[in-house]
Amino acid sequence: MATITDNDLRELKDLINSKFDRIDTKFERIDHKFEEVNQKLNDVKEEVNQKLNDVKEEVNQKLNHVKEEVNLKLSDLRTDIAVLKEGQNGLNQRIDDVNKRIDDVNKRIDNLDFLARTVVGGIIVALILGLTKLFYPNLIS
């Protein structure tokens, strides 16, 4: 059997230590790469957040502009509606006036109709009396 000497153990220990040193170096490089990646991610995150804030601000400005335009148009519409209501009230007053005039004209026509019937009735009675006197002179003295 082979015996292990102190020298062999030292060489083995040195070998293991050198391997661990290489592994530590590789882990340090990996840690460094992770730090770089994290830094890049943070930079990208900040850039994205800044762009999102810019877009958000731009959208808010546009929405405020649209809101102002809509409010102006609503104000104009309210003014137009008020004018239309005034016009409608004026038209309603005119319609009421026309209805009153029509009622007055209808009353006059009714009076004229009554008068015309009375006159026609009187003429008919006068014709009948005239014909009666013509054909029967002795009947009416």
N, C-alpha and C. Protein backbone atom coordinates (compact mmCIF):
# COMPACT_ATOMS: atom_id res chain seq x y z
N MET A 1 0.80 -1.16 0.00
CA MET A 1 0.00 0.00 0.00
C MET A 1 0.86 1.24 0.00
N ALA A 2 0.27 2.19 -0.50
CA ALA A 2 1.03 3.42 -0.59
C ALA A 2 0.80 4.24 0.66
N THR A 3 1.87 4.82 1.09
CA THR A 3 1.75 5.66 2.28
C THR A 3 1.72 7.12 1.85
N ILE A 4 1.01 7.87 2.57
CA ILE A 4 0.88 9.31 2.27
C ILE A 4 1.81 10.05 3.21
N THR A 5 2.64 10.82 2.62
CA THR A 5 3.61 11.57 3.41
C THR A 5 3.12 12.99 3.62
N ASP A 6 3.82 13.71 4.49
CA ASP A 6 3.46 15.10 4.76
C ASP A 6 3.64 15.94 3.50
N ASN A 7 4.60 15.61 2.74
CA ASN A 7 4.85 16.33 1.51
C ASN A 7 3.68 16.15 0.55
N ASP A 8 3.17 14.94 0.46
CA ASP A 8 2.02 14.67 -0.40
C ASP A 8 0.80 15.47 0.08
N LEU A 9 0.64 15.51 1.38
CA LEU A 9 -0.51 16.25 1.92
C LEU A 9 -0.37 17.74 1.64
N ARG A 10 0.84 18.28 1.73
CA ARG A 10 1.05 19.69 1.44
C ARG A 10 0.77 19.97 -0.03
N GLU A 11 1.21 19.11 -0.90
CA GLU A 11 0.95 19.30 -2.32
C GLU A 11 -0.54 19.23 -2.61
N LEU A 12 -1.19 18.30 -1.95
CA LEU A 12 -2.65 18.18 -2.13
C LEU A 12 -3.34 19.43 -1.62
N LYS A 13 -2.91 19.91 -0.48
CA LYS A 13 -3.49 21.12 0.11
C LYS A 13 -3.24 22.32 -0.81
N ASP A 14 -2.03 22.45 -1.35
CA ASP A 14 -1.71 23.54 -2.27
C ASP A 14 -2.57 23.46 -3.53
N LEU A 15 -2.76 22.23 -4.02
CA LEU A 15 -3.58 22.02 -5.21
C LEU A 15 -5.02 22.45 -4.95
N ILE A 16 -5.54 22.01 -3.81
CA ILE A 16 -6.93 22.37 -3.46
C ILE A 16 -7.04 23.88 -3.28
N ASN A 17 -6.06 24.49 -2.62
CA ASN A 17 -6.09 25.94 -2.41
C ASN A 17 -6.02 26.68 -3.74
N SER A 18 -5.18 26.21 -4.67
CA SER A 18 -5.09 26.87 -5.97
C SER A 18 -6.41 26.73 -6.73
N LYS A 19 -7.04 25.55 -6.62
CA LYS A 19 -8.34 25.36 -7.29
C LYS A 19 -9.39 26.29 -6.67
N PHE A 20 -9.40 26.38 -5.34
CA PHE A 20 -10.35 27.29 -4.69
C PHE A 20 -10.06 28.74 -5.05
N ASP A 21 -8.79 29.09 -5.20
CA ASP A 21 -8.44 30.46 -5.61
C ASP A 21 -8.97 30.74 -7.00
N ARG A 22 -8.85 29.78 -7.90
CA ARG A 22 -9.39 29.96 -9.26
C ARG A 22 -10.92 30.09 -9.21
N ILE A 23 -11.53 29.24 -8.40
CA ILE A 23 -13.01 29.31 -8.27
C ILE A 23 -13.40 30.67 -7.69
N ASP A 24 -12.66 31.13 -6.66
CA ASP A 24 -12.96 32.44 -6.07
C ASP A 24 -12.81 33.54 -7.12
N THR A 25 -11.78 33.46 -7.93
CA THR A 25 -11.56 34.44 -8.98
C THR A 25 -12.73 34.43 -9.97
N LYS A 26 -13.15 33.24 -10.36
CA LYS A 26 -14.28 33.12 -11.29
C LYS A 26 -15.56 33.68 -10.66
N PHE A 27 -15.76 33.39 -9.36
CA PHE A 27 -16.94 33.93 -8.69
C PHE A 27 -16.88 35.45 -8.59
N GLU A 28 -15.69 35.98 -8.39
CA GLU A 28 -15.52 37.43 -8.34
C GLU A 28 -15.85 38.04 -9.70
N ARG A 29 -15.39 37.38 -10.78
CA ARG A 29 -15.73 37.86 -12.12
C ARG A 29 -17.24 37.80 -12.35
N ILE A 30 -17.83 36.70 -11.90
CA ILE A 30 -19.29 36.55 -12.06
C ILE A 30 -20.00 37.62 -11.25
N ASP A 31 -19.54 37.84 -10.01
CA ASP A 31 -20.14 38.89 -9.18
C ASP A 31 -20.01 40.25 -9.86
N HIS A 32 -18.84 40.50 -10.44
CA HIS A 32 -18.61 41.75 -11.14
C HIS A 32 -19.57 41.88 -12.34
N LYS A 33 -19.76 40.80 -13.08
CA LYS A 33 -20.68 40.80 -14.23
C LYS A 33 -22.11 41.07 -13.75
N PHE A 34 -22.49 40.41 -12.61
CA PHE A 34 -23.83 40.65 -12.06
C PHE A 34 -24.00 42.11 -11.66
N GLU A 35 -22.99 42.69 -11.08
CA GLU A 35 -23.05 44.10 -10.71
C GLU A 35 -23.21 44.97 -11.95
N GLU A 36 -22.49 44.64 -13.03
CA GLU A 36 -22.61 45.39 -14.27
C GLU A 36 -24.02 45.26 -14.84
N VAL A 37 -24.53 44.02 -14.82
CA VAL A 37 -25.89 43.78 -15.34
C VAL A 37 -26.90 44.54 -14.49
N ASN A 38 -26.72 44.48 -13.16
CA ASN A 38 -27.64 45.21 -12.29
C ASN A 38 -27.57 46.70 -12.55
N GLN A 39 -26.37 47.22 -12.74
CA GLN A 39 -26.22 48.64 -13.02
C GLN A 39 -26.89 49.00 -14.35
N LYS A 40 -26.69 48.18 -15.36
CA LYS A 40 -27.32 48.43 -16.65
C LYS A 40 -28.84 48.36 -16.53
N LEU A 41 -29.33 47.38 -15.77
CA LEU A 41 -30.78 47.27 -15.56
C LEU A 41 -31.32 48.50 -14.84
N ASN A 42 -30.57 48.96 -13.84
CA ASN A 42 -31.01 50.17 -13.14
C ASN A 42 -31.01 51.38 -14.06
N ASP A 43 -29.99 51.47 -14.92
CA ASP A 43 -29.93 52.57 -15.88
C ASP A 43 -31.11 52.50 -16.85
N VAL A 44 -31.37 51.31 -17.35
CA VAL A 44 -32.51 51.13 -18.28
C VAL A 44 -33.81 51.43 -17.56
N LYS A 45 -33.92 51.00 -16.32
CA LYS A 45 -35.13 51.26 -15.54
C LYS A 45 -35.35 52.76 -15.36
N GLU A 46 -34.27 53.47 -15.02
CA GLU A 46 -34.37 54.92 -14.86
C GLU A 46 -34.74 55.59 -16.17
N GLU A 47 -34.15 55.12 -17.26
CA GLU A 47 -34.45 55.69 -18.57
C GLU A 47 -35.91 55.45 -18.94
N VAL A 48 -36.37 54.23 -18.70
CA VAL A 48 -37.77 53.89 -19.01
C VAL A 48 -38.71 54.72 -18.14
N ASN A 49 -38.38 54.84 -16.86
CA ASN A 49 -39.22 55.64 -15.97
C ASN A 49 -39.26 57.10 -16.42
N GLN A 50 -38.11 57.62 -16.83
CA GLN A 50 -38.07 59.00 -17.30
C GLN A 50 -38.91 59.17 -18.57
N LYS A 51 -38.78 58.22 -19.48
CA LYS A 51 -39.58 58.30 -20.71
C LYS A 51 -41.06 58.17 -20.40
N LEU A 52 -41.40 57.28 -19.47
CA LEU A 52 -42.81 57.13 -19.08
C LEU A 52 -43.34 58.43 -18.46
N ASN A 53 -42.52 59.04 -17.62
CA ASN A 53 -42.94 60.31 -17.03
C ASN A 53 -43.12 61.38 -18.09
N ASP A 54 -42.21 61.40 -19.08
CA ASP A 54 -42.33 62.37 -20.17
C ASP A 54 -43.61 62.13 -20.97
N VAL A 55 -43.87 60.87 -21.27
CA VAL A 55 -45.08 60.52 -22.03
C VAL A 55 -46.32 60.86 -21.20
N LYS A 56 -46.26 60.56 -19.92
CA LYS A 56 -47.39 60.86 -19.04
C LYS A 56 -47.66 62.36 -19.00
N GLU A 57 -46.61 63.14 -18.90
CA GLU A 57 -46.76 64.59 -18.88
C GLU A 57 -47.32 65.11 -20.20
N GLU A 58 -46.82 64.55 -21.30
CA GLU A 58 -47.31 64.96 -22.62
C GLU A 58 -48.79 64.61 -22.79
N VAL A 59 -49.16 63.42 -22.35
CA VAL A 59 -50.57 63.00 -22.44
C VAL A 59 -51.43 63.90 -21.57
N ASN A 60 -50.96 64.21 -20.37
CA ASN A 60 -51.72 65.10 -19.49
C ASN A 60 -51.90 66.47 -20.11
N GLN A 61 -50.85 66.98 -20.75
CA GLN A 61 -50.97 68.28 -21.41
C GLN A 61 -51.99 68.23 -22.54
N LYS A 62 -51.92 67.16 -23.31
CA LYS A 62 -52.88 67.03 -24.42
C LYS A 62 -54.30 66.89 -23.89
N LEU A 63 -54.46 66.11 -22.82
CA LEU A 63 -55.79 65.94 -22.23
C LEU A 63 -56.31 67.27 -21.68
N ASN A 64 -55.43 68.03 -21.04
CA ASN A 64 -55.85 69.34 -20.54
C ASN A 64 -56.25 70.26 -21.68
N HIS A 65 -55.50 70.19 -22.78
CA HIS A 65 -55.83 71.01 -23.95
C HIS A 65 -57.20 70.60 -24.51
N VAL A 66 -57.41 69.31 -24.63
CA VAL A 66 -58.70 68.81 -25.14
C VAL A 66 -59.82 69.21 -24.18
N LYS A 67 -59.54 69.10 -22.89
CA LYS A 67 -60.54 69.47 -21.88
C LYS A 67 -60.92 70.94 -22.01
N GLU A 68 -59.92 71.79 -22.21
CA GLU A 68 -60.19 73.22 -22.39
C GLU A 68 -61.03 73.47 -23.64
N GLU A 69 -60.69 72.77 -24.73
CA GLU A 69 -61.47 72.94 -25.96
C GLU A 69 -62.91 72.49 -25.76
N VAL A 70 -63.07 71.35 -25.08
CA VAL A 70 -64.43 70.84 -24.84
C VAL A 70 -65.21 71.82 -23.96
N ASN A 71 -64.55 72.36 -22.94
CA ASN A 71 -65.23 73.33 -22.07
C ASN A 71 -65.63 74.58 -22.85
N LEU A 72 -64.75 75.04 -23.75
CA LEU A 72 -65.11 76.20 -24.58
C LEU A 72 -66.31 75.90 -25.47
N LYS A 73 -66.28 74.72 -26.07
CA LYS A 73 -67.39 74.36 -26.95
C LYS A 73 -68.68 74.19 -26.16
N LEU A 74 -68.57 73.62 -24.95
CA LEU A 74 -69.76 73.50 -24.09
C LEU A 74 -70.30 74.88 -23.72
N SER A 75 -69.40 75.79 -23.43
CA SER A 75 -69.83 77.16 -23.11
C SER A 75 -70.54 77.78 -24.31
N ASP A 76 -69.96 77.59 -25.50
CA ASP A 76 -70.61 78.10 -26.71
C ASP A 76 -71.98 77.46 -26.92
N LEU A 77 -72.05 76.16 -26.67
CA LEU A 77 -73.34 75.46 -26.83
C LEU A 77 -74.36 76.00 -25.83
N ARG A 78 -73.91 76.24 -24.60
CA ARG A 78 -74.85 76.78 -23.60
C ARG A 78 -75.35 78.15 -24.03
N THR A 79 -74.45 78.95 -24.58
CA THR A 79 -74.86 80.27 -25.06
C THR A 79 -75.85 80.12 -26.21
N ASP A 80 -75.54 79.23 -27.14
CA ASP A 80 -76.44 79.00 -28.28
C ASP A 80 -77.80 78.49 -27.80
N ILE A 81 -77.79 77.60 -26.81
CA ILE A 81 -79.06 77.07 -26.29
C ILE A 81 -79.87 78.19 -25.64
N ALA A 82 -79.18 79.07 -24.90
CA ALA A 82 -79.89 80.20 -24.28
C ALA A 82 -80.52 81.08 -25.35
N VAL A 83 -79.76 81.34 -26.42
CA VAL A 83 -80.30 82.16 -27.52
C VAL A 83 -81.49 81.46 -28.17
N LEU A 84 -81.38 80.16 -28.37
CA LEU A 84 -82.50 79.41 -28.96
C LEU A 84 -83.73 79.44 -28.07
N LYS A 85 -83.51 79.34 -26.75
CA LYS A 85 -84.65 79.40 -25.82
C LYS A 85 -85.33 80.75 -25.88
N GLU A 86 -84.50 81.82 -25.97
CA GLU A 86 -85.09 83.15 -26.10
C GLU A 86 -85.89 83.26 -27.39
N GLY A 87 -85.31 82.72 -28.47
CA GLY A 87 -86.02 82.73 -29.74
C GLY A 87 -87.30 81.92 -29.68
N GLN A 88 -87.22 80.79 -28.99
CA GLN A 88 -88.40 79.94 -28.84
C GLN A 88 -89.48 80.68 -28.05
N ASN A 89 -89.07 81.38 -26.99
CA ASN A 89 -90.05 82.15 -26.21
C ASN A 89 -90.69 83.22 -27.07
N GLY A 90 -89.86 83.89 -27.91
CA GLY A 90 -90.40 84.89 -28.82
C GLY A 90 -91.38 84.28 -29.81
N LEU A 91 -91.02 83.11 -30.34
CA LEU A 91 -91.92 82.43 -31.28
C LEU A 91 -93.21 82.00 -30.58
N ASN A 92 -93.09 81.51 -29.36
CA ASN A 92 -94.29 81.12 -28.61
C ASN A 92 -95.21 82.32 -28.41
N GLN A 93 -94.62 83.48 -28.11
CA GLN A 93 -95.41 84.70 -27.95
C GLN A 93 -96.10 85.08 -29.26
N ARG A 94 -95.35 84.95 -30.35
CA ARG A 94 -95.94 85.27 -31.66
C ARG A 94 -97.06 84.29 -32.00
N ILE A 95 -96.84 83.02 -31.68
CA ILE A 95 -97.89 82.02 -31.94
C ILE A 95 -99.13 82.34 -31.12
N ASP A 96 -98.93 82.73 -29.86
CA ASP A 96 -100.08 83.11 -29.02
C ASP A 96 -100.81 84.31 -29.62
N ASP A 97 -100.03 85.30 -30.11
CA ASP A 97 -100.64 86.47 -30.74
C ASP A 97 -101.43 86.07 -31.99
N VAL A 98 -100.85 85.19 -32.80
CA VAL A 98 -101.54 84.74 -34.01
C VAL A 98 -102.81 83.97 -33.63
N ASN A 99 -102.73 83.14 -32.60
CA ASN A 99 -103.92 82.40 -32.15
C ASN A 99 -105.02 83.36 -31.68
N LYS A 100 -104.64 84.42 -30.98
CA LYS A 100 -105.63 85.40 -30.55
C LYS A 100 -106.27 86.08 -31.75
N ARG A 101 -105.42 86.44 -32.74
CA ARG A 101 -105.96 87.07 -33.95
C ARG A 101 -106.90 86.14 -34.69
N ILE A 102 -106.52 84.86 -34.75
CA ILE A 102 -107.39 83.88 -35.41
C ILE A 102 -108.72 83.77 -34.68
N ASP A 103 -108.66 83.77 -33.33
CA ASP A 103 -109.91 83.72 -32.56
C ASP A 103 -110.76 84.95 -32.84
N ASP A 104 -110.11 86.13 -32.91
CA ASP A 104 -110.85 87.36 -33.22
C ASP A 104 -111.47 87.28 -34.61
N VAL A 105 -110.69 86.79 -35.58
CA VAL A 105 -111.21 86.66 -36.95
C VAL A 105 -112.36 85.66 -36.98
N ASN A 106 -112.25 84.57 -36.24
CA ASN A 106 -113.34 83.59 -36.19
C ASN A 106 -114.60 84.21 -35.60
N LYS A 107 -114.45 85.04 -34.57
CA LYS A 107 -115.62 85.70 -33.99
C LYS A 107 -116.26 86.65 -35.00
N ARG A 108 -115.40 87.37 -35.72
CA ARG A 108 -115.92 88.29 -36.75
C ARG A 108 -116.64 87.51 -37.85
N ILE A 109 -116.04 86.38 -38.25
CA ILE A 109 -116.68 85.57 -39.30
C ILE A 109 -118.01 85.03 -38.80
N ASP A 110 -118.02 84.60 -37.53
CA ASP A 110 -119.29 84.12 -36.97
C ASP A 110 -120.33 85.24 -36.98
N ASN A 111 -119.92 86.44 -36.61
CA ASN A 111 -120.85 87.59 -36.63
C ASN A 111 -121.30 87.89 -38.06
N LEU A 112 -120.33 87.86 -39.00
CA LEU A 112 -120.69 88.11 -40.40
C LEU A 112 -121.60 87.00 -40.92
N ASP A 113 -121.36 85.78 -40.52
CA ASP A 113 -122.20 84.65 -40.93
C ASP A 113 -123.63 84.85 -40.42
N PHE A 114 -123.73 85.23 -39.14
CA PHE A 114 -125.06 85.47 -38.56
C PHE A 114 -125.76 86.61 -39.29
N LEU A 115 -124.99 87.66 -39.56
CA LEU A 115 -125.55 88.81 -40.26
C LEU A 115 -125.95 88.43 -41.68
N ALA A 116 -125.11 87.65 -42.37
CA ALA A 116 -125.41 87.25 -43.74
C ALA A 116 -126.66 86.37 -43.76
N ARG A 117 -126.77 85.47 -42.82
CA ARG A 117 -127.97 84.62 -42.77
C ARG A 117 -129.22 85.45 -42.51
N THR A 118 -129.06 86.42 -41.62
CA THR A 118 -130.21 87.28 -41.32
C THR A 118 -130.62 88.08 -42.55
N VAL A 119 -129.61 88.62 -43.24
CA VAL A 119 -129.90 89.41 -44.45
C VAL A 119 -130.52 88.51 -45.52
N VAL A 120 -129.93 87.33 -45.73
CA VAL A 120 -130.47 86.41 -46.73
C VAL A 120 -131.90 86.00 -46.34
N GLY A 121 -132.10 85.75 -45.05
CA GLY A 121 -133.45 85.40 -44.60
C GLY A 121 -134.43 86.54 -44.84
N GLY A 122 -133.96 87.77 -44.57
CA GLY A 122 -134.82 88.94 -44.81
C GLY A 122 -135.13 89.11 -46.28
N ILE A 123 -134.11 88.89 -47.13
CA ILE A 123 -134.32 89.00 -48.57
C ILE A 123 -135.33 87.95 -49.04
N ILE A 124 -135.18 86.75 -48.51
CA ILE A 124 -136.11 85.67 -48.90
C ILE A 124 -137.53 86.02 -48.47
N VAL A 125 -137.64 86.52 -47.24
CA VAL A 125 -138.98 86.91 -46.76
C VAL A 125 -139.54 88.04 -47.63
N ALA A 126 -138.68 89.02 -47.98
CA ALA A 126 -139.15 90.13 -48.81
C ALA A 126 -139.56 89.63 -50.20
N LEU A 127 -138.78 88.66 -50.76
CA LEU A 127 -139.16 88.11 -52.07
C LEU A 127 -140.48 87.37 -51.99
N ILE A 128 -140.62 86.62 -50.90
CA ILE A 128 -141.89 85.88 -50.76
C ILE A 128 -143.06 86.86 -50.64
N LEU A 129 -142.86 87.90 -49.86
CA LEU A 129 -143.92 88.89 -49.72
C LEU A 129 -144.17 89.61 -51.05
N GLY A 130 -143.07 89.90 -51.75
CA GLY A 130 -143.23 90.59 -53.05
C GLY A 130 -143.95 89.69 -54.03
N LEU A 131 -143.59 88.41 -54.06
CA LEU A 131 -144.27 87.48 -54.97
C LEU A 131 -145.73 87.28 -54.57
N THR A 132 -145.92 87.24 -53.27
CA THR A 132 -147.29 87.07 -52.81
C THR A 132 -148.14 88.28 -53.22
N LYS A 133 -147.59 89.47 -53.10
CA LYS A 133 -148.32 90.66 -53.47
C LYS A 133 -148.53 90.71 -54.98
N LEU A 134 -147.57 90.18 -55.71
CA LEU A 134 -147.68 90.18 -57.15
C LEU A 134 -148.77 89.21 -57.60
N PHE A 135 -148.77 88.03 -57.03
CA PHE A 135 -149.74 87.02 -57.47
C PHE A 135 -151.06 87.13 -56.73
N TYR A 136 -151.03 87.63 -55.54
CA TYR A 136 -152.26 87.78 -54.75
C TYR A 136 -152.33 89.22 -54.24
N PRO A 137 -152.64 90.15 -55.07
CA PRO A 137 -152.63 91.55 -54.65
C PRO A 137 -153.67 91.85 -53.59
N ASN A 138 -154.72 91.17 -53.52
CA ASN A 138 -155.76 91.45 -52.56
C ASN A 138 -155.45 90.89 -51.17
N LEU A 139 -154.52 89.99 -51.08
CA LEU A 139 -154.21 89.32 -49.82
C LEU A 139 -153.48 90.27 -48.86
N ILE A 140 -152.57 91.05 -49.43
CA ILE A 140 -151.79 91.95 -48.59
C ILE A 140 -152.22 93.36 -48.98
N SER A 141 -152.64 94.14 -48.05
CA SER A 141 -153.10 95.47 -48.39
C SER A 141 -152.06 96.52 -48.20
